[in-house]
C-alpha atoms as a PDB file:
ATOM      1  CA  MET A   1      27.378 290.353  89.153  1.00  0.00           C
ATOM      2  CA  SER A   2      23.903 289.535  90.363  1.00  0.00           C
ATOM      3  CA  GLU A   3      21.570 292.045  91.987  1.00  0.00           C
ATOM      4  CA  LEU A   4      22.628 293.344  95.413  1.00  0.00           C
ATOM      5  CA  THR A   5      20.346 292.501  98.208  1.00  0.00           C
ATOM      6  CA  ASN A   6      20.733 292.150 102.021  1.00  0.00           C
ATOM      7  CA  GLU A   7      20.780 288.482 101.546  1.00  0.00           C
ATOM      8  CA  SER A   8      23.362 288.382  98.897  1.00  0.00           C
ATOM      9  CA  LEU A   9      25.635 290.572 100.952  1.00  0.00           C
ATOM     10  CA  GLN A  10      25.165 288.337 104.079  1.00  0.00           C
ATOM     11  CA  GLU A  11      25.919 285.199 101.688  1.00  0.00           C
ATOM     12  CA  LEU A  12      29.237 287.105 100.640  1.00  0.00           C
ATOM     13  CA  VAL A  13      30.136 287.987 104.246  1.00  0.00           C
ATOM     14  CA  GLN A  14      29.427 284.324 105.644  1.00  0.00           C
ATOM     15  CA  GLY A  15      31.145 282.674 102.688  1.00  0.00           C
ATOM     16  CA  PHE A  16      34.192 284.861 103.082  1.00  0.00           C
ATOM     17  CA  LYS A  17      34.143 284.173 106.767  1.00  0.00           C
ATOM     18  CA  ASN A  18      33.835 280.431 106.586  1.00  0.00           C
ATOM     19  CA  GLY A  19      36.066 280.119 103.506  1.00  0.00           C
ATOM     20  CA  THR A  20      33.269 278.741 101.171  1.00  0.00           C
ATOM     21  CA  TRP A  21      32.981 281.876  99.003  1.00  0.00           C
ATOM     22  CA  PRO A  22      34.434 280.727  95.760  1.00  0.00           C
ATOM     23  CA  GLY A  23      37.795 282.050  94.876  1.00  0.00           C
ATOM     24  CA  SER A  24      36.756 282.446  91.292  1.00  0.00           C
ATOM     25  CA  ASN A  25      33.985 284.677  92.246  1.00  0.00           C
ATOM     26  CA  TRP A  26      36.467 286.948  94.578  1.00  0.00           C
ATOM     27  CA  LYS A  27      36.727 289.843  92.336  1.00  0.00           C
ATOM     28  CA  HIS A  28      37.629 293.526  93.080  1.00  0.00           C
ATOM     29  CA  ALA A  29      33.911 294.247  93.384  1.00  0.00           C
ATOM     30  CA  HIS A  30      33.385 291.655  96.047  1.00  0.00           C
ATOM     31  CA  HIS A  31      36.474 292.889  98.008  1.00  0.00           C
ATOM     32  CA  LEU A  32      34.856 296.318  97.912  1.00  0.00           C
ATOM     33  CA  MET A  33      31.386 294.884  99.061  1.00  0.00           C
ATOM     34  CA  LEU A  34      33.122 292.957 101.911  1.00  0.00           C
ATOM     35  CA  ALA A  35      35.091 296.152 103.085  1.00  0.00           C
ATOM     36  CA  ALA A  36      31.969 298.157 102.970  1.00  0.00           C
ATOM     37  CA  CYS A  37      29.948 295.497 105.097  1.00  0.00           C
ATOM     38  CA  TYR A  38      32.684 295.226 107.510  1.00  0.00           C
ATOM     39  CA  ILE A  39      32.844 299.059 107.816  1.00  0.00           C
ATOM     40  CA  LEU A  40      29.147 299.464 108.331  1.00  0.00           C
ATOM     41  CA  ASP A  41      29.027 296.421 110.773  1.00  0.00           C
ATOM     42  CA  HIS A  42      31.906 296.553 112.865  1.00  0.00           C
ATOM     43  CA  GLU A  43      34.030 299.316 114.731  1.00  0.00           C
ATOM     44  CA  ASP A  44      37.222 296.972 114.399  1.00  0.00           C
ATOM     45  CA  ALA A  45      36.611 296.469 110.743  1.00  0.00           C
ATOM     46  CA  LEU A  46      40.346 296.963 109.754  1.00  0.00           C
ATOM     47  CA  GLN A  47      41.456 294.482 112.374  1.00  0.00           C
ATOM     48  CA  ARG A  48      38.946 291.949 111.101  1.00  0.00           C
ATOM     49  CA  LEU A  49      40.093 292.327 107.622  1.00  0.00           C
ATOM     50  CA  ARG A  50      43.647 291.960 108.439  1.00  0.00           C
ATOM     51  CA  ALA A  51      42.906 288.626 110.481  1.00  0.00           C
ATOM     52  CA  ASN A  52      40.348 287.237 107.918  1.00  0.00           C
ATOM     53  CA  ILE A  53      41.713 287.851 104.698  1.00  0.00           C
ATOM     54  CA  PRO A  54      44.874 285.710 105.075  1.00  0.00           C
ATOM     55  CA  LEU A  55      42.490 282.791 106.683  1.00  0.00           C
ATOM     56  CA  TYR A  56      40.308 283.239 103.429  1.00  0.00           C
ATOM     57  CA  ASN A  57      43.313 282.920 101.191  1.00  0.00           C
ATOM     58  CA  LEU A  58      44.342 279.696 102.818  1.00  0.00           C
ATOM     59  CA  SER A  59      40.784 278.236 102.627  1.00  0.00           C
ATOM     60  CA  GLN A  60      40.988 278.707  98.771  1.00  0.00           C
ATOM     61  CA  GLY A  61      44.308 276.872  98.711  1.00  0.00           C
ATOM     62  CA  GLY A  62      46.386 280.127  98.445  1.00  0.00           C
ATOM     63  CA  GLN A  63      49.345 280.966 100.612  1.00  0.00           C
ATOM     64  CA  ASN A  64      50.279 284.196 102.446  1.00  0.00           C
ATOM     65  CA  THR A  65      54.114 284.633 101.588  1.00  0.00           C
ATOM     66  CA  PRO A  66      56.336 287.588 100.964  1.00  0.00           C
ATOM     67  CA  ASP A  67      55.176 287.438  97.418  1.00  0.00           C
ATOM     68  CA  SER A  68      51.490 286.464  97.299  1.00  0.00           C
ATOM     69  CA  GLY A  69      48.411 286.461  99.450  1.00  0.00           C
ATOM     70  CA  TYR A  70      47.829 288.992 101.793  1.00  0.00           C
ATOM     71  CA  HIS A  71      48.830 292.540 101.056  1.00  0.00           C
ATOM     72  CA  GLU A  72      48.925 294.878 104.269  1.00  0.00           C
ATOM     73  CA  THR A  73      49.211 298.153 102.367  1.00  0.00           C
ATOM     74  CA  LEU A  74      46.574 297.389  99.640  1.00  0.00           C
ATOM     75  CA  THR A  75      44.155 296.387 102.529  1.00  0.00           C
ATOM     76  CA  VAL A  76      44.683 299.447 104.561  1.00  0.00           C
ATOM     77  CA  PHE A  77      44.565 301.647 101.447  1.00  0.00           C
ATOM     78  CA  TRP A  78      41.275 300.214 100.194  1.00  0.00           C
ATOM     79  CA  TYR A  79      39.827 300.084 103.845  1.00  0.00           C
ATOM     80  CA  GLU A  80      40.521 303.904 104.071  1.00  0.00           C
ATOM     81  CA  ILE A  81      39.267 304.856 100.854  1.00  0.00           C
ATOM     82  CA  VAL A  82      35.909 302.925 101.385  1.00  0.00           C
ATOM     83  CA  ARG A  83      35.626 304.047 104.891  1.00  0.00           C
ATOM     84  CA  ASP A  84      36.106 307.730 103.940  1.00  0.00           C
ATOM     85  CA  PHE A  85      33.605 307.348 101.090  1.00  0.00           C
ATOM     86  CA  ILE A  86      31.129 305.802 103.351  1.00  0.00           C
ATOM     87  CA  GLN A  87      31.463 308.655 105.959  1.00  0.00           C
ATOM     88  CA  ALA A  88      30.977 311.308 103.296  1.00  0.00           C
ATOM     89  CA  LEU A  89      27.533 309.753 102.113  1.00  0.00           C
ATOM     90  CA  PRO A  90      24.306 311.167 103.530  1.00  0.00           C
ATOM     91  CA  ALA A  91      23.112 309.654 106.516  1.00  0.00           C
ATOM     92  CA  GLY A  92      20.184 307.215 106.518  1.00  0.00           C
ATOM     93  CA  LEU A  93      21.049 305.390 103.307  1.00  0.00           C
ATOM     94  CA  PRO A  94      20.074 301.718 103.324  1.00  0.00           C
ATOM     95  CA  ARG A  95      23.031 299.167 103.621  1.00  0.00           C
ATOM     96  CA  VAL A  96      22.480 297.738 100.148  1.00  0.00           C
ATOM     97  CA  GLU A  97      22.336 301.299  98.502  1.00  0.00           C
ATOM     98  CA  ILE A  98      25.634 302.220 100.449  1.00  0.00           C
ATOM     99  CA  VAL A  99      27.445 299.057  99.243  1.00  0.00           C
ATOM    100  CA  ARG A 100      26.167 299.599  95.819  1.00  0.00           C
ATOM    101  CA  LEU A 101      27.484 303.208  95.621  1.00  0.00           C
ATOM    102  CA  VAL A 102      31.057 301.937  96.916  1.00  0.00           C
ATOM    103  CA  VAL A 103      30.981 299.529  94.033  1.00  0.00           C
ATOM    104  CA  ASP A 104      29.867 301.926  91.424  1.00  0.00           C
ATOM    105  CA  GLU A 105      32.473 304.401  92.661  1.00  0.00           C
ATOM    106  CA  PHE A 106      35.521 302.195  92.883  1.00  0.00           C
ATOM    107  CA  ALA A 107      34.947 298.886  91.033  1.00  0.00           C
ATOM    108  CA  PRO A 108      35.895 300.776  87.756  1.00  0.00           C
ATOM    109  CA  GLN A 109      39.070 302.258  89.706  1.00  0.00           C
ATOM    110  CA  ARG A 110      40.576 298.934  90.641  1.00  0.00           C
ATOM    111  CA  ASP A 111      44.164 300.658  90.139  1.00  0.00           C
ATOM    112  CA  LEU A 112      43.337 303.596  92.017  1.00  0.00           C
ATOM    113  CA  PHE A 113      46.171 302.900  94.394  1.00  0.00           C
ATOM    114  CA  ARG A 114      48.652 303.705  91.527  1.00  0.00           C
ATOM    115  CA  ARG A 115      47.893 307.376  91.798  1.00  0.00           C
ATOM    116  CA  TYR A 116      48.894 307.384  95.484  1.00  0.00           C
ATOM    117  CA  TYR A 117      52.460 305.486  95.106  1.00  0.00           C
ATOM    118  CA  ASP A 118      55.446 306.115  92.883  1.00  0.00           C
ATOM    119  CA  PHE A 119      56.594 302.505  93.110  1.00  0.00           C
ATOM    120  CA  ASP A 120      55.139 299.175  92.219  1.00  0.00           C
ATOM    121  CA  VAL A 121      53.190 298.653  95.730  1.00  0.00           C
ATOM    122  CA  VAL A 122      51.759 295.500  94.297  1.00  0.00           C
ATOM    123  CA  LYS A 123      55.158 293.800  93.832  1.00  0.00           C
ATOM    124  CA  SER A 124      56.752 295.382  96.958  1.00  0.00           C
ATOM    125  CA  ARG A 125      57.623 292.655  99.630  1.00  0.00           C
ATOM    126  CA  GLU A 126      57.702 295.644 102.106  1.00  0.00           C
ATOM    127  CA  ALA A 127      54.329 296.996 101.175  1.00  0.00           C
ATOM    128  CA  ARG A 128      52.822 293.527 101.453  1.00  0.00           C
ATOM    129  CA  ALA A 129      54.192 292.905 104.940  1.00  0.00           C
ATOM    130  CA  VAL A 130      53.530 296.310 106.396  1.00  0.00           C
ATOM    131  CA  TRP A 131      51.554 299.601 105.860  1.00  0.00           C
ATOM    132  CA  ILE A 132      53.506 302.088 103.702  1.00  0.00           C
ATOM    133  CA  PRO A 133      51.839 305.411 103.490  1.00  0.00           C
ATOM    134  CA  PRO A 134      51.135 306.956 100.044  1.00  0.00           C
ATOM    135  CA  SER A 135      54.357 308.497  98.475  1.00  0.00           C
ATOM    136  CA  ARG A 136      52.252 311.159  96.403  1.00  0.00           C
ATOM    137  CA  ALA A 137      49.250 313.351  97.020  1.00  0.00           C
ATOM    138  CA  VAL A 138      46.260 313.125  94.685  1.00  0.00           C
ATOM    139  CA  PRO A 139      44.423 316.421  94.064  1.00  0.00           C
ATOM    140  CA  ASP A 140      40.973 316.463  95.453  1.00  0.00           C
ATOM    141  CA  THR A 141      41.484 313.508  97.487  1.00  0.00           C
ATOM    142  CA  VAL A 142      43.058 312.893 100.842  1.00  0.00           C
ATOM    143  CA  PRO A 143      45.566 310.092 101.084  1.00  0.00           C
ATOM    144  CA  PRO A 144      44.433 307.427 103.614  1.00  0.00           C
ATOM    145  CA  GLN A 145      46.156 307.436 107.096  1.00  0.00           C
ATOM    146  CA  PRO A 146      47.312 304.288 108.657  1.00  0.00           C
ATOM    147  CA  GLU A 147      45.366 302.922 111.756  1.00  0.00           C
ATOM    148  CA  PRO A 148      48.115 301.726 114.235  1.00  0.00           C
ATOM    149  CA  ALA A 149      48.299 298.079 114.235  1.00  0.00           C
ATOM    150  CA  LYS A 150      50.629 295.197 113.656  1.00  0.00           C
ATOM    151  CA  SER A 151      50.085 293.284 110.477  1.00  0.00           C
ATOM    152  CA  THR A 152      49.061 289.674 110.582  1.00  0.00           C
ATOM    153  CA  ALA A 153      50.966 288.887 107.366  1.00  0.00           C
ATOM    154  CA  PRO A 154      53.984 286.724 107.575  1.00  0.00           C
ATOM    155  CA  ALA A 155      57.140 288.356 107.540  1.00  0.00           C
END
């Protein structure tokens, strides 16, 4: 991954929004960067993610079906994890530093959600379509709580 700058973050956000960010460069770290930017920039970050992820998938030739594409439970899970992490950081940190801290903390933990669920949440059609709260508590962490909203994913 190249060095994080305000410009590189803006390029990611714009490329995601207009569908030009290359799918081959849409890795877990980029998901985290985007989520952090949305959380920092928008009060309605979760709603924007719910609306824009399916559109991005389509722009890259993907589909949003019961078995692929947008995943409501993972979107809400990661949104909550990143939001809570950002809220716990000291006030006044520069945007780029906040995003870097998010990536440093969670890029190596791509499968963190597996600690919260006692079933294969990735393969679950129900979890893809609607938010399913964590089924197990994890010591020293607070399981994410859902924000009420209807999924934009296809049923």
